[in-house]
Full PDB file with SEQRES, HELIX, SHEET, SSBOND, CRYST1, ORIGX, SCALE, CONECT and MASTER records, all heavy atoms in Angstrom:
SEQRES   1 A   41  GLN LYS GLY LYS LYS TYR ARG GLN GLU TYR TYR PHE ASN          
SEQRES   2 A   41  GLU ALA GLU ASP GLN ALA GLU ILE ILE GLU THR GLY LEU          
SEQRES   3 A   41  SER VAL THR VAL PRO PHE GLY THR PHE THR ASN CYS ILE          
SEQRES   4 A   41  LYS THR                                                      
SHEET    1 AA1 2 LYS A   5  ARG A   7  0                                        
SHEET    2 AA1 2 GLN A  18  GLU A  20 -1                                        
SHEET    1 AA2 2 GLU A  23  VAL A  30  0                                        
SHEET    2 AA2 2 GLY A  33  LYS A  40 -1                                        
CRYST1    1.000    1.000    1.000  90.00  90.00  90.00 P 1           1          
ORIGX1      1.000000  0.000000  0.000000        0.00000                         
ORIGX2      0.000000  1.000000  0.000000        0.00000                         
ORIGX3      0.000000  0.000000  1.000000        0.00000                         
SCALE1      1.000000  0.000000  0.000000        0.00000                         
SCALE2      0.000000  1.000000  0.000000        0.00000                         
SCALE3      0.000000  0.000000  1.000000        0.00000                         
ATOM      1  N   GLN A   1      -3.373 -23.431  36.011  1.00  0.00           N  
ATOM      2  CA  GLN A   1      -2.726 -23.834  34.777  1.00  0.00           C  
ATOM      3  C   GLN A   1      -1.500 -22.971  34.487  1.00  0.00           C  
ATOM      4  O   GLN A   1      -1.449 -21.795  34.862  1.00  0.00           O  
ATOM      5  CB  GLN A   1      -3.707 -23.745  33.606  1.00  0.00           C  
ATOM      6  CG  GLN A   1      -4.880 -24.701  33.707  1.00  0.00           C  
ATOM      7  CD  GLN A   1      -4.441 -26.156  33.662  1.00  0.00           C  
ATOM      8  OE1 GLN A   1      -3.622 -26.542  32.822  1.00  0.00           O  
ATOM      9  NE2 GLN A   1      -4.968 -26.969  34.560  1.00  0.00           N  
ATOM     10  N   LYS A   2      -0.519 -23.558  33.811  1.00  0.00           N  
ATOM     11  CA  LYS A   2       0.707 -22.845  33.465  1.00  0.00           C  
ATOM     12  C   LYS A   2       0.389 -21.570  32.675  1.00  0.00           C  
ATOM     13  O   LYS A   2      -0.436 -21.586  31.762  1.00  0.00           O  
ATOM     14  CB  LYS A   2       1.616 -23.753  32.629  1.00  0.00           C  
ATOM     15  CG  LYS A   2       2.956 -23.136  32.264  1.00  0.00           C  
ATOM     16  CD  LYS A   2       3.811 -24.133  31.507  1.00  0.00           C  
ATOM     17  CE  LYS A   2       5.154 -23.521  31.115  1.00  0.00           C  
ATOM     18  NZ  LYS A   2       6.019 -24.491  30.397  1.00  0.00           N  
ATOM     19  N   GLY A   3       1.020 -20.475  33.065  1.00  0.00           N  
ATOM     20  CA  GLY A   3       0.820 -19.202  32.389  1.00  0.00           C  
ATOM     21  C   GLY A   3      -0.185 -18.294  33.078  1.00  0.00           C  
ATOM     22  O   GLY A   3      -0.282 -17.113  32.736  1.00  0.00           O  
ATOM     23  N   LYS A   4      -0.914 -18.813  34.058  1.00  0.00           N  
ATOM     24  CA  LYS A   4      -1.890 -18.018  34.780  1.00  0.00           C  
ATOM     25  C   LYS A   4      -1.181 -17.009  35.681  1.00  0.00           C  
ATOM     26  O   LYS A   4      -0.353 -17.365  36.509  1.00  0.00           O  
ATOM     27  CB  LYS A   4      -2.785 -18.932  35.625  1.00  0.00           C  
ATOM     28  CG  LYS A   4      -3.742 -18.208  36.569  1.00  0.00           C  
ATOM     29  CD  LYS A   4      -4.862 -17.523  35.823  1.00  0.00           C  
ATOM     30  CE  LYS A   4      -5.867 -16.933  36.813  1.00  0.00           C  
ATOM     31  NZ  LYS A   4      -6.960 -16.211  36.119  1.00  0.00           N  
ATOM     32  N   LYS A   5      -1.511 -15.704  35.507  1.00  0.00           N  
ATOM     33  CA  LYS A   5      -0.961 -14.645  36.348  1.00  0.00           C  
ATOM     34  C   LYS A   5      -2.073 -14.034  37.191  1.00  0.00           C  
ATOM     35  O   LYS A   5      -3.210 -13.925  36.725  1.00  0.00           O  
ATOM     36  CB  LYS A   5      -0.313 -13.556  35.488  1.00  0.00           C  
ATOM     37  CG  LYS A   5       0.927 -13.987  34.734  1.00  0.00           C  
ATOM     38  CD  LYS A   5       1.505 -12.813  33.948  1.00  0.00           C  
ATOM     39  CE  LYS A   5       2.754 -13.208  33.172  1.00  0.00           C  
ATOM     40  NZ  LYS A   5       3.332 -12.067  32.411  1.00  0.00           N  
ATOM     41  N   TYR A   6      -1.728 -13.603  38.399  1.00  0.00           N  
ATOM     42  CA  TYR A   6      -2.761 -13.040  39.263  1.00  0.00           C  
ATOM     43  C   TYR A   6      -2.143 -12.201  40.380  1.00  0.00           C  
ATOM     44  O   TYR A   6      -1.008 -12.420  40.801  1.00  0.00           O  
ATOM     45  CB  TYR A   6      -3.615 -14.166  39.878  1.00  0.00           C  
ATOM     46  CG  TYR A   6      -2.828 -15.332  40.442  1.00  0.00           C  
ATOM     47  CD1 TYR A   6      -2.530 -15.414  41.796  1.00  0.00           C  
ATOM     48  CD2 TYR A   6      -2.376 -16.350  39.606  1.00  0.00           C  
ATOM     49  CE1 TYR A   6      -1.819 -16.483  42.309  1.00  0.00           C  
ATOM     50  CE2 TYR A   6      -1.659 -17.433  40.113  1.00  0.00           C  
ATOM     51  CZ  TYR A   6      -1.384 -17.492  41.464  1.00  0.00           C  
ATOM     52  OH  TYR A   6      -0.658 -18.551  41.964  1.00  0.00           O  
ATOM     53  N   ARG A   7      -2.908 -11.214  40.827  1.00  0.00           N  
ATOM     54  CA  ARG A   7      -2.516 -10.427  41.992  1.00  0.00           C  
ATOM     55  C   ARG A   7      -2.933 -11.186  43.237  1.00  0.00           C  
ATOM     56  O   ARG A   7      -4.072 -11.612  43.359  1.00  0.00           O  
ATOM     57  CB  ARG A   7      -3.190  -9.050  41.980  1.00  0.00           C  
ATOM     58  CG  ARG A   7      -2.575  -8.051  40.996  1.00  0.00           C  
ATOM     59  CD  ARG A   7      -3.084  -6.649  41.302  1.00  0.00           C  
ATOM     60  NE  ARG A   7      -2.534  -5.649  40.391  1.00  0.00           N  
ATOM     61  CZ  ARG A   7      -1.348  -5.067  40.542  1.00  0.00           C  
ATOM     62  NH1 ARG A   7      -0.574  -5.406  41.568  1.00  0.00           N  
ATOM     63  NH2 ARG A   7      -0.925  -4.159  39.682  1.00  0.00           N  
ATOM     64  N   GLN A   8      -2.021 -11.318  44.173  1.00  0.00           N  
ATOM     65  CA  GLN A   8      -2.330 -11.998  45.426  1.00  0.00           C  
ATOM     66  C   GLN A   8      -2.860 -11.031  46.479  1.00  0.00           C  
ATOM     67  O   GLN A   8      -3.474 -11.448  47.463  1.00  0.00           O  
ATOM     68  CB  GLN A   8      -1.088 -12.710  45.951  1.00  0.00           C  
ATOM     69  CG  GLN A   8      -0.601 -13.822  45.026  1.00  0.00           C  
ATOM     70  CD  GLN A   8       0.676 -14.455  45.516  1.00  0.00           C  
ATOM     71  OE1 GLN A   8       1.649 -13.777  45.831  1.00  0.00           O  
ATOM     72  NE2 GLN A   8       0.679 -15.769  45.594  1.00  0.00           N  
ATOM     73  N   GLU A   9      -2.598  -9.764  46.279  1.00  0.00           N  
ATOM     74  CA  GLU A   9      -3.037  -8.710  47.194  1.00  0.00           C  
ATOM     75  C   GLU A   9      -2.847  -7.381  46.476  1.00  0.00           C  
ATOM     76  O   GLU A   9      -2.045  -7.287  45.537  1.00  0.00           O  
ATOM     77  CB  GLU A   9      -2.209  -8.726  48.483  1.00  0.00           C  
ATOM     78  CG  GLU A   9      -0.708  -8.595  48.223  1.00  0.00           C  
ATOM     79  CD  GLU A   9       0.153  -8.755  49.455  1.00  0.00           C  
ATOM     80  OE1 GLU A   9      -0.388  -9.063  50.532  1.00  0.00           O  
ATOM     81  OE2 GLU A   9       1.371  -8.562  49.355  1.00  0.00           O  
ATOM     82  N   TYR A  10      -3.594  -6.364  46.910  1.00  0.00           N  
ATOM     83  CA  TYR A  10      -3.352  -5.053  46.316  1.00  0.00           C  
ATOM     84  C   TYR A  10      -3.718  -3.923  47.271  1.00  0.00           C  
ATOM     85  O   TYR A  10      -4.877  -3.565  47.454  1.00  0.00           O  
ATOM     86  CB  TYR A  10      -4.110  -4.866  45.006  1.00  0.00           C  
ATOM     87  CG  TYR A  10      -3.591  -3.651  44.237  1.00  0.00           C  
ATOM     88  CD1 TYR A  10      -2.285  -3.638  43.777  1.00  0.00           C  
ATOM     89  CD2 TYR A  10      -4.373  -2.527  44.016  1.00  0.00           C  
ATOM     90  CE1 TYR A  10      -1.755  -2.536  43.110  1.00  0.00           C  
ATOM     91  CE2 TYR A  10      -3.872  -1.424  43.346  1.00  0.00           C  
ATOM     92  CZ  TYR A  10      -2.560  -1.436  42.901  1.00  0.00           C  
ATOM     93  OH  TYR A  10      -2.049  -0.336  42.246  1.00  0.00           O  
ATOM     94  N   TYR A  11      -2.684  -3.421  47.905  1.00  0.00           N  
ATOM     95  CA  TYR A  11      -2.777  -2.230  48.741  1.00  0.00           C  
ATOM     96  C   TYR A  11      -1.648  -1.338  48.266  1.00  0.00           C  
ATOM     97  O   TYR A  11      -0.488  -1.551  48.608  1.00  0.00           O  
ATOM     98  CB  TYR A  11      -2.628  -2.608  50.218  1.00  0.00           C  
ATOM     99  CG  TYR A  11      -2.734  -1.458  51.184  1.00  0.00           C  
ATOM    100  CD1 TYR A  11      -3.403  -0.278  50.859  1.00  0.00           C  
ATOM    101  CD2 TYR A  11      -2.180  -1.548  52.460  1.00  0.00           C  
ATOM    102  CE1 TYR A  11      -3.495   0.773  51.753  1.00  0.00           C  
ATOM    103  CE2 TYR A  11      -2.268  -0.509  53.371  1.00  0.00           C  
ATOM    104  CZ  TYR A  11      -2.930   0.646  53.017  1.00  0.00           C  
ATOM    105  OH  TYR A  11      -3.019   1.689  53.905  1.00  0.00           O  
ATOM    106  N   PHE A  12      -1.960  -0.363  47.449  1.00  0.00           N  
ATOM    107  CA  PHE A  12      -0.964   0.417  46.708  1.00  0.00           C  
ATOM    108  C   PHE A  12       0.154   0.936  47.612  1.00  0.00           C  
ATOM    109  O   PHE A  12      -0.078   1.547  48.654  1.00  0.00           O  
ATOM    110  CB  PHE A  12      -1.654   1.586  46.008  1.00  0.00           C  
ATOM    111  CG  PHE A  12      -0.735   2.410  45.151  1.00  0.00           C  
ATOM    112  CD1 PHE A  12      -0.115   1.850  44.044  1.00  0.00           C  
ATOM    113  CD2 PHE A  12      -0.479   3.737  45.461  1.00  0.00           C  
ATOM    114  CE1 PHE A  12       0.737   2.609  43.251  1.00  0.00           C  
ATOM    115  CE2 PHE A  12       0.361   4.511  44.666  1.00  0.00           C  
ATOM    116  CZ  PHE A  12       0.974   3.941  43.562  1.00  0.00           C  
ATOM    117  N   ASN A  13       1.382   0.637  47.166  1.00  0.00           N  
ATOM    118  CA  ASN A  13       2.607   1.055  47.845  1.00  0.00           C  
ATOM    119  C   ASN A  13       2.840   0.373  49.196  1.00  0.00           C  
ATOM    120  O   ASN A  13       3.778   0.721  49.903  1.00  0.00           O  
ATOM    121  CB  ASN A  13       2.655   2.571  48.036  1.00  0.00           C  
ATOM    122  CG  ASN A  13       3.225   3.273  46.818  1.00  0.00           C  
ATOM    123  OD1 ASN A  13       3.859   2.657  45.968  1.00  0.00           O  
ATOM    124  ND2 ASN A  13       2.990   4.572  46.718  1.00  0.00           N  
ATOM    125  N   GLU A  14       1.991  -0.583  49.553  1.00  0.00           N  
ATOM    126  CA  GLU A  14       2.145  -1.276  50.820  1.00  0.00           C  
ATOM    127  C   GLU A  14       2.211  -2.797  50.655  1.00  0.00           C  
ATOM    128  O   GLU A  14       3.074  -3.449  51.231  1.00  0.00           O  
ATOM    129  CB  GLU A  14       0.986  -0.921  51.773  1.00  0.00           C  
ATOM    130  CG  GLU A  14       0.911   0.550  52.161  1.00  0.00           C  
ATOM    131  CD  GLU A  14       2.061   0.997  53.029  1.00  0.00           C  
ATOM    132  OE1 GLU A  14       2.676   0.140  53.697  1.00  0.00           O  
ATOM    133  OE2 GLU A  14       2.357   2.206  53.061  1.00  0.00           O  
ATOM    134  N   ALA A  15       1.291  -3.349  49.868  1.00  0.00           N  
ATOM    135  CA  ALA A  15       1.232  -4.800  49.671  1.00  0.00           C  
ATOM    136  C   ALA A  15       0.792  -5.070  48.239  1.00  0.00           C  
ATOM    137  O   ALA A  15      -0.362  -4.836  47.896  1.00  0.00           O  
ATOM    138  CB  ALA A  15       0.252  -5.430  50.659  1.00  0.00           C  
ATOM    139  N   GLU A  16       1.717  -5.544  47.411  1.00  0.00           N  
ATOM    140  CA  GLU A  16       1.417  -5.706  45.989  1.00  0.00           C  
ATOM    141  C   GLU A  16       1.993  -7.020  45.433  1.00  0.00           C  
ATOM    142  O   GLU A  16       2.530  -7.060  44.333  1.00  0.00           O  
ATOM    143  CB  GLU A  16       1.958  -4.522  45.182  1.00  0.00           C  
ATOM    144  CG  GLU A  16       1.359  -3.176  45.551  1.00  0.00           C  
ATOM    145  CD  GLU A  16       1.809  -2.052  44.634  1.00  0.00           C  
ATOM    146  OE1 GLU A  16       2.091  -2.327  43.452  1.00  0.00           O  
ATOM    147  OE2 GLU A  16       1.899  -0.897  45.096  1.00  0.00           O  
ATOM    148  N   ASP A  17       1.876  -8.085  46.184  1.00  0.00           N  
ATOM    149  CA  ASP A  17       2.403  -9.375  45.719  1.00  0.00           C  
ATOM    150  C   ASP A  17       1.635  -9.890  44.500  1.00  0.00           C  
ATOM    151  O   ASP A  17       0.404  -9.779  44.432  1.00  0.00           O  
ATOM    152  CB  ASP A  17       2.319 -10.420  46.830  1.00  0.00           C  
ATOM    153  CG  ASP A  17       3.328 -10.172  47.939  1.00  0.00           C  
ATOM    154  OD1 ASP A  17       4.069  -9.177  47.847  1.00  0.00           O  
ATOM    155  OD2 ASP A  17       3.367 -10.974  48.886  1.00  0.00           O  
ATOM    156  N   GLN A  18       2.385 -10.453  43.552  1.00  0.00           N  
ATOM    157  CA  GLN A  18       1.806 -11.049  42.357  1.00  0.00           C  
ATOM    158  C   GLN A  18       2.430 -12.429  42.137  1.00  0.00           C  
ATOM    159  O   GLN A  18       3.485 -12.742  42.692  1.00  0.00           O  
ATOM    160  CB  GLN A  18       2.064 -10.168  41.130  1.00  0.00           C  
ATOM    161  CG  GLN A  18       1.477  -8.777  41.239  1.00  0.00           C  
ATOM    162  CD  GLN A  18       1.709  -7.953  39.983  1.00  0.00           C  
ATOM    163  OE1 GLN A  18       1.205  -8.293  38.913  1.00  0.00           O  
ATOM    164  NE2 GLN A  18       2.466  -6.882  40.105  1.00  0.00           N  
ATOM    165  N   ALA A  19       1.772 -13.245  41.335  1.00  0.00           N  
ATOM    166  CA  ALA A  19       2.289 -14.589  41.076  1.00  0.00           C  
ATOM    167  C   ALA A  19       1.915 -15.052  39.678  1.00  0.00           C  
ATOM    168  O   ALA A  19       0.968 -14.552  39.074  1.00  0.00           O  
ATOM    169  CB  ALA A  19       1.753 -15.577  42.103  1.00  0.00           C  
ATOM    170  N   GLU A  20       2.692 -15.999  39.182  1.00  0.00           N  
ATOM    171  CA  GLU A  20       2.410 -16.657  37.909  1.00  0.00           C  
ATOM    172  C   GLU A  20       2.724 -18.144  38.057  1.00  0.00           C  
ATOM    173  O   GLU A  20       3.761 -18.508  38.622  1.00  0.00           O  
ATOM    174  CB  GLU A  20       3.251 -16.075  36.781  1.00  0.00           C  
ATOM    175  CG  GLU A  20       3.024 -16.782  35.440  1.00  0.00           C  
ATOM    176  CD  GLU A  20       3.924 -16.272  34.329  1.00  0.00           C  
ATOM    177  OE1 GLU A  20       4.789 -15.416  34.604  1.00  0.00           O  
ATOM    178  OE2 GLU A  20       3.767 -16.762  33.193  1.00  0.00           O  
ATOM    179  N   ILE A  21       1.833 -18.981  37.585  1.00  0.00           N  
ATOM    180  CA  ILE A  21       2.095 -20.426  37.593  1.00  0.00           C  
ATOM    181  C   ILE A  21       3.001 -20.727  36.408  1.00  0.00           C  
ATOM    182  O   ILE A  21       2.640 -20.479  35.258  1.00  0.00           O  
ATOM    183  CB  ILE A  21       0.785 -21.223  37.508  1.00  0.00           C  
ATOM    184  CG1 ILE A  21      -0.063 -20.941  38.744  1.00  0.00           C  
ATOM    185  CG2 ILE A  21       1.077 -22.723  37.397  1.00  0.00           C  
ATOM    186  CD1 ILE A  21      -1.466 -21.448  38.671  1.00  0.00           C  
ATOM    187  N   ILE A  22       4.208 -21.236  36.690  1.00  0.00           N  
ATOM    188  CA  ILE A  22       5.193 -21.421  35.622  1.00  0.00           C  
ATOM    189  C   ILE A  22       5.449 -22.887  35.270  1.00  0.00           C  
ATOM    190  O   ILE A  22       5.991 -23.181  34.212  1.00  0.00           O  
ATOM    191  CB  ILE A  22       6.525 -20.714  35.953  1.00  0.00           C  
ATOM    192  CG1 ILE A  22       7.109 -21.218  37.276  1.00  0.00           C  
ATOM    193  CG2 ILE A  22       6.328 -19.212  36.003  1.00  0.00           C  
ATOM    194  CD1 ILE A  22       8.485 -20.622  37.589  1.00  0.00           C  
ATOM    195  N   GLU A  23       5.066 -23.815  36.166  1.00  0.00           N  
ATOM    196  CA  GLU A  23       5.220 -25.244  35.849  1.00  0.00           C  
ATOM    197  C   GLU A  23       4.162 -26.049  36.586  1.00  0.00           C  
ATOM    198  O   GLU A  23       3.725 -25.675  37.684  1.00  0.00           O  
ATOM    199  CB  GLU A  23       6.613 -25.753  36.239  1.00  0.00           C  
ATOM    200  CG  GLU A  23       7.754 -25.236  35.378  1.00  0.00           C  
ATOM    201  CD  GLU A  23       9.078 -25.916  35.685  1.00  0.00           C  
ATOM    202  OE1 GLU A  23       9.155 -27.151  35.494  1.00  0.00           O  
ATOM    203  OE2 GLU A  23      10.008 -25.226  36.132  1.00  0.00           O  
ATOM    204  N   THR A  24       3.771 -27.161  35.984  1.00  0.00           N  
ATOM    205  CA  THR A  24       2.836 -28.083  36.638  1.00  0.00           C  
ATOM    206  C   THR A  24       3.353 -29.513  36.470  1.00  0.00           C  
ATOM    207  O   THR A  24       4.279 -29.765  35.686  1.00  0.00           O  
ATOM    208  CB  THR A  24       1.428 -27.976  36.026  1.00  0.00           C  
ATOM    209  OG1 THR A  24       1.493 -28.306  34.630  1.00  0.00           O  
ATOM    210  CG2 THR A  24       0.860 -26.561  36.185  1.00  0.00           C  
ATOM    211  N   GLY A  25       2.774 -30.443  37.213  1.00  0.00           N  
ATOM    212  CA  GLY A  25       3.149 -31.852  37.080  1.00  0.00           C  
ATOM    213  C   GLY A  25       4.537 -32.195  37.565  1.00  0.00           C  
ATOM    214  O   GLY A  25       5.150 -33.168  37.098  1.00  0.00           O  
ATOM    215  N   LEU A  26       5.047 -31.432  38.528  1.00  0.00           N  
ATOM    216  CA  LEU A  26       6.411 -31.649  39.016  1.00  0.00           C  
ATOM    217  C   LEU A  26       6.471 -32.676  40.140  1.00  0.00           C  
ATOM    218  O   LEU A  26       5.490 -32.900  40.859  1.00  0.00           O  
ATOM    219  CB  LEU A  26       6.987 -30.328  39.536  1.00  0.00           C  
ATOM    220  CG  LEU A  26       7.127 -29.176  38.541  1.00  0.00           C  
ATOM    221  CD1 LEU A  26       7.597 -27.927  39.279  1.00  0.00           C  
ATOM    222  CD2 LEU A  26       8.105 -29.544  37.445  1.00  0.00           C  
ATOM    223  N   SER A  27       7.648 -33.249  40.305  1.00  0.00           N  
ATOM    224  CA  SER A  27       7.943 -34.099  41.457  1.00  0.00           C  
ATOM    225  C   SER A  27       8.930 -33.331  42.334  1.00  0.00           C  
ATOM    226  O   SER A  27       9.978 -32.881  41.856  1.00  0.00           O  
ATOM    227  CB  SER A  27       8.562 -35.423  41.010  1.00  0.00           C  
ATOM    228  OG  SER A  27       8.884 -36.219  42.134  1.00  0.00           O  
ATOM    229  N   VAL A  28       8.585 -33.148  43.601  1.00  0.00           N  
ATOM    230  CA  VAL A  28       9.408 -32.338  44.506  1.00  0.00           C  
ATOM    231  C   VAL A  28       9.642 -33.098  45.803  1.00  0.00           C  
ATOM    232  O   VAL A  28       8.710 -33.676  46.384  1.00  0.00           O  
ATOM    233  CB  VAL A  28       8.721 -30.987  44.817  1.00  0.00           C  
ATOM    234  CG1 VAL A  28       9.593 -30.151  45.758  1.00  0.00           C  
ATOM    235  CG2 VAL A  28       8.438 -30.213  43.536  1.00  0.00           C  
ATOM    236  N   THR A  29      10.889 -33.091  46.272  1.00  0.00           N  
ATOM    237  CA  THR A  29      11.246 -33.749  47.520  1.00  0.00           C  
ATOM    238  C   THR A  29      11.659 -32.719  48.563  1.00  0.00           C  
ATOM    239  O   THR A  29      12.490 -31.842  48.291  1.00  0.00           O  
ATOM    240  CB  THR A  29      12.404 -34.751  47.307  1.00  0.00           C  
ATOM    241  OG1 THR A  29      11.981 -35.781  46.405  1.00  0.00           O  
ATOM    242  CG2 THR A  29      12.805 -35.395  48.626  1.00  0.00           C  
ATOM    243  N   VAL A  30      11.073 -32.807  49.733  1.00  0.00           N  
ATOM    244  CA  VAL A  30      11.427 -31.973  50.883  1.00  0.00           C  
ATOM    245  C   VAL A  30      11.572 -32.917  52.075  1.00  0.00           C  
ATOM    246  O   VAL A  30      11.244 -34.101  51.973  1.00  0.00           O  
ATOM    247  CB  VAL A  30      10.336 -30.912  51.164  1.00  0.00           C  
ATOM    248  CG1 VAL A  30      10.240 -29.922  50.015  1.00  0.00           C  
ATOM    249  CG2 VAL A  30       8.976 -31.560  51.419  1.00  0.00           C  
ATOM    250  N   PRO A  31      12.076 -32.434  53.209  1.00  0.00           N  
ATOM    251  CA  PRO A  31      12.240 -33.339  54.358  1.00  0.00           C  
ATOM    252  C   PRO A  31      10.973 -34.075  54.772  1.00  0.00           C  
ATOM    253  O   PRO A  31      11.047 -35.201  55.289  1.00  0.00           O  
ATOM    254  CB  PRO A  31      12.717 -32.383  55.466  1.00  0.00           C  
ATOM    255  CG  PRO A  31      13.473 -31.332  54.728  1.00  0.00           C  
ATOM    256  CD  PRO A  31      12.683 -31.116  53.462  1.00  0.00           C  
ATOM    257  N   PHE A  32       9.815 -33.487  54.514  1.00  0.00           N  
ATOM    258  CA  PHE A  32       8.557 -34.117  54.909  1.00  0.00           C  
ATOM    259  C   PHE A  32       8.160 -35.260  53.977  1.00  0.00           C  
ATOM    260  O   PHE A  32       7.340 -36.104  54.326  1.00  0.00           O  
ATOM    261  CB  PHE A  32       7.441 -33.069  54.961  1.00  0.00           C  
ATOM    262  CG  PHE A  32       6.148 -33.577  55.536  1.00  0.00           C  
ATOM    263  CD1 PHE A  32       6.061 -33.944  56.869  1.00  0.00           C  
ATOM    264  CD2 PHE A  32       5.020 -33.696  54.734  1.00  0.00           C  
ATOM    265  CE1 PHE A  32       4.859 -34.429  57.403  1.00  0.00           C  
ATOM    266  CE2 PHE A  32       3.822 -34.171  55.258  1.00  0.00           C  
ATOM    267  CZ  PHE A  32       3.740 -34.537  56.597  1.00  0.00           C  
ATOM    268  N   GLY A  33       8.756 -35.295  52.764  1.00  0.00           N  
ATOM    269  CA  GLY A  33       8.436 -36.374  51.843  1.00  0.00           C  
ATOM    270  C   GLY A  33       8.610 -35.975  50.389  1.00  0.00           C  
ATOM    271  O   GLY A  33       9.017 -34.857  50.073  1.00  0.00           O  
ATOM    272  N   THR A  34       8.306 -36.899  49.496  1.00  0.00           N  
ATOM    273  CA  THR A  34       8.368 -36.662  48.054  1.00  0.00           C  
ATOM    274  C   THR A  34       6.942 -36.591  47.515  1.00  0.00           C  
ATOM    275  O   THR A  34       6.104 -37.441  47.827  1.00  0.00           O  
ATOM    276  CB  THR A  34       9.129 -37.785  47.339  1.00  0.00           C  
ATOM    277  OG1 THR A  34      10.488 -37.781  47.797  1.00  0.00           O  
ATOM    278  CG2 THR A  34       9.124 -37.571  45.828  1.00  0.00           C  
ATOM    279  N   PHE A  35       6.683 -35.555  46.688  1.00  0.00           N  
ATOM    280  CA  PHE A  35       5.335 -35.313  46.202  1.00  0.00           C  
ATOM    281  C   PHE A  35       5.334 -35.187  44.673  1.00  0.00           C  
ATOM    282  O   PHE A  35       6.263 -34.618  44.095  1.00  0.00           O  
ATOM    283  CB  PHE A  35       4.768 -34.032  46.823  1.00  0.00           C  
ATOM    284  CG  PHE A  35       4.737 -34.068  48.326  1.00  0.00           C  
ATOM    285  CD1 PHE A  35       5.821 -33.619  49.071  1.00  0.00           C  
ATOM    286  CD2 PHE A  35       3.639 -34.575  48.997  1.00  0.00           C  
ATOM    287  CE1 PHE A  35       5.799 -33.657  50.457  1.00  0.00           C  
ATOM    288  CE2 PHE A  35       3.605 -34.627  50.385  1.00  0.00           C  
ATOM    289  CZ  PHE A  35       4.688 -34.165  51.117  1.00  0.00           C  
ATOM    290  N   THR A  36       4.317 -35.733  44.058  1.00  0.00           N  
ATOM    291  CA  THR A  36       4.150 -35.621  42.608  1.00  0.00           C  
ATOM    292  C   THR A  36       2.985 -34.689  42.291  1.00  0.00           C  
ATOM    293  O   THR A  36       2.240 -34.284  43.194  1.00  0.00           O  
ATOM    294  CB  THR A  36       3.886 -37.010  41.991  1.00  0.00           C  
ATOM    295  OG1 THR A  36       2.708 -37.568  42.587  1.00  0.00           O  
ATOM    296  CG2 THR A  36       5.062 -37.952  42.226  1.00  0.00           C  
ATOM    297  N   ASN A  37       2.838 -34.374  41.023  1.00  0.00           N  
ATOM    298  CA  ASN A  37       1.766 -33.487  40.574  1.00  0.00           C  
ATOM    299  C   ASN A  37       1.804 -32.138  41.279  1.00  0.00           C  
ATOM    300  O   ASN A  37       0.766 -31.570  41.633  1.00  0.00           O  
ATOM    301  CB  ASN A  37       0.393 -34.146  40.772  1.00  0.00           C  
ATOM    302  CG  ASN A  37      -0.699 -33.466  39.959  1.00  0.00           C  
ATOM    303  OD1 ASN A  37      -0.431 -32.895  38.899  1.00  0.00           O  
ATOM    304  ND2 ASN A  37      -1.927 -33.496  40.450  1.00  0.00           N  
ATOM    305  N   CYS A  38       3.022 -31.630  41.495  1.00  0.00           N  
ATOM    306  CA  CYS A  38       3.190 -30.328  42.152  1.00  0.00           C  
ATOM    307  C   CYS A  38       3.141 -29.199  41.121  1.00  0.00           C  
ATOM    308  O   CYS A  38       3.401 -29.401  39.939  1.00  0.00           O  
ATOM    309  CB  CYS A  38       4.533 -30.274  42.878  1.00  0.00           C  
ATOM    310  SG  CYS A  38       4.712 -31.478  44.209  1.00  0.00           S  
ATOM    311  N   ILE A  39       2.796 -28.016  41.602  1.00  0.00           N  
ATOM    312  CA  ILE A  39       2.848 -26.823  40.749  1.00  0.00           C  
ATOM    313  C   ILE A  39       3.904 -25.865  41.296  1.00  0.00           C  
ATOM    314  O   ILE A  39       4.201 -25.866  42.493  1.00  0.00           O  
ATOM    315  CB  ILE A  39       1.490 -26.120  40.643  1.00  0.00           C  
ATOM    316  CG1 ILE A  39       1.023 -25.607  42.014  1.00  0.00           C  
ATOM    317  CG2 ILE A  39       0.438 -27.034  40.017  1.00  0.00           C  
ATOM    318  CD1 ILE A  39      -0.250 -24.777  41.934  1.00  0.00           C  
ATOM    319  N   LYS A  40       4.467 -25.081  40.382  1.00  0.00           N  
ATOM    320  CA  LYS A  40       5.508 -24.114  40.740  1.00  0.00           C  
ATOM    321  C   LYS A  40       5.054 -22.724  40.324  1.00  0.00           C  
ATOM    322  O   LYS A  40       4.609 -22.521  39.195  1.00  0.00           O  
ATOM    323  CB  LYS A  40       6.810 -24.480  40.025  1.00  0.00           C  
ATOM    324  CG  LYS A  40       7.976 -23.522  40.258  1.00  0.00           C  
ATOM    325  CD  LYS A  40       9.199 -23.986  39.461  1.00  0.00           C  
ATOM    326  CE  LYS A  40      10.383 -23.061  39.619  1.00  0.00           C  
ATOM    327  NZ  LYS A  40      11.564 -23.533  38.821  1.00  0.00           N  
ATOM    328  N   THR A  41       5.162 -21.783  41.244  1.00  0.00           N  
ATOM    329  CA  THR A  41       4.807 -20.400  40.931  1.00  0.00           C  
ATOM    330  C   THR A  41       6.031 -19.497  41.036  1.00  0.00           C  
ATOM    331  O   THR A  41       6.987 -19.814  41.749  1.00  0.00           O  
ATOM    332  CB  THR A  41       3.725 -19.865  41.888  1.00  0.00           C  
ATOM    333  OG1 THR A  41       4.264 -19.787  43.229  1.00  0.00           O  
ATOM    334  CG2 THR A  41       2.490 -20.744  41.879  1.00  0.00           C  
TER     335      THR A  41                                                      
MASTER        0    0    0    0    4    0    0    6  334    1    0    4          
END                                                                             
């Protein structure tokens, strides 16, 4: 859901990726095709 934040990994000073879901219900087109109900982080 939009607004959800989370750590994707945690190895101090080595691997500390984080993410937040910022949009949902998107339509996105890439060379492989067009997709609906996409989420953006």
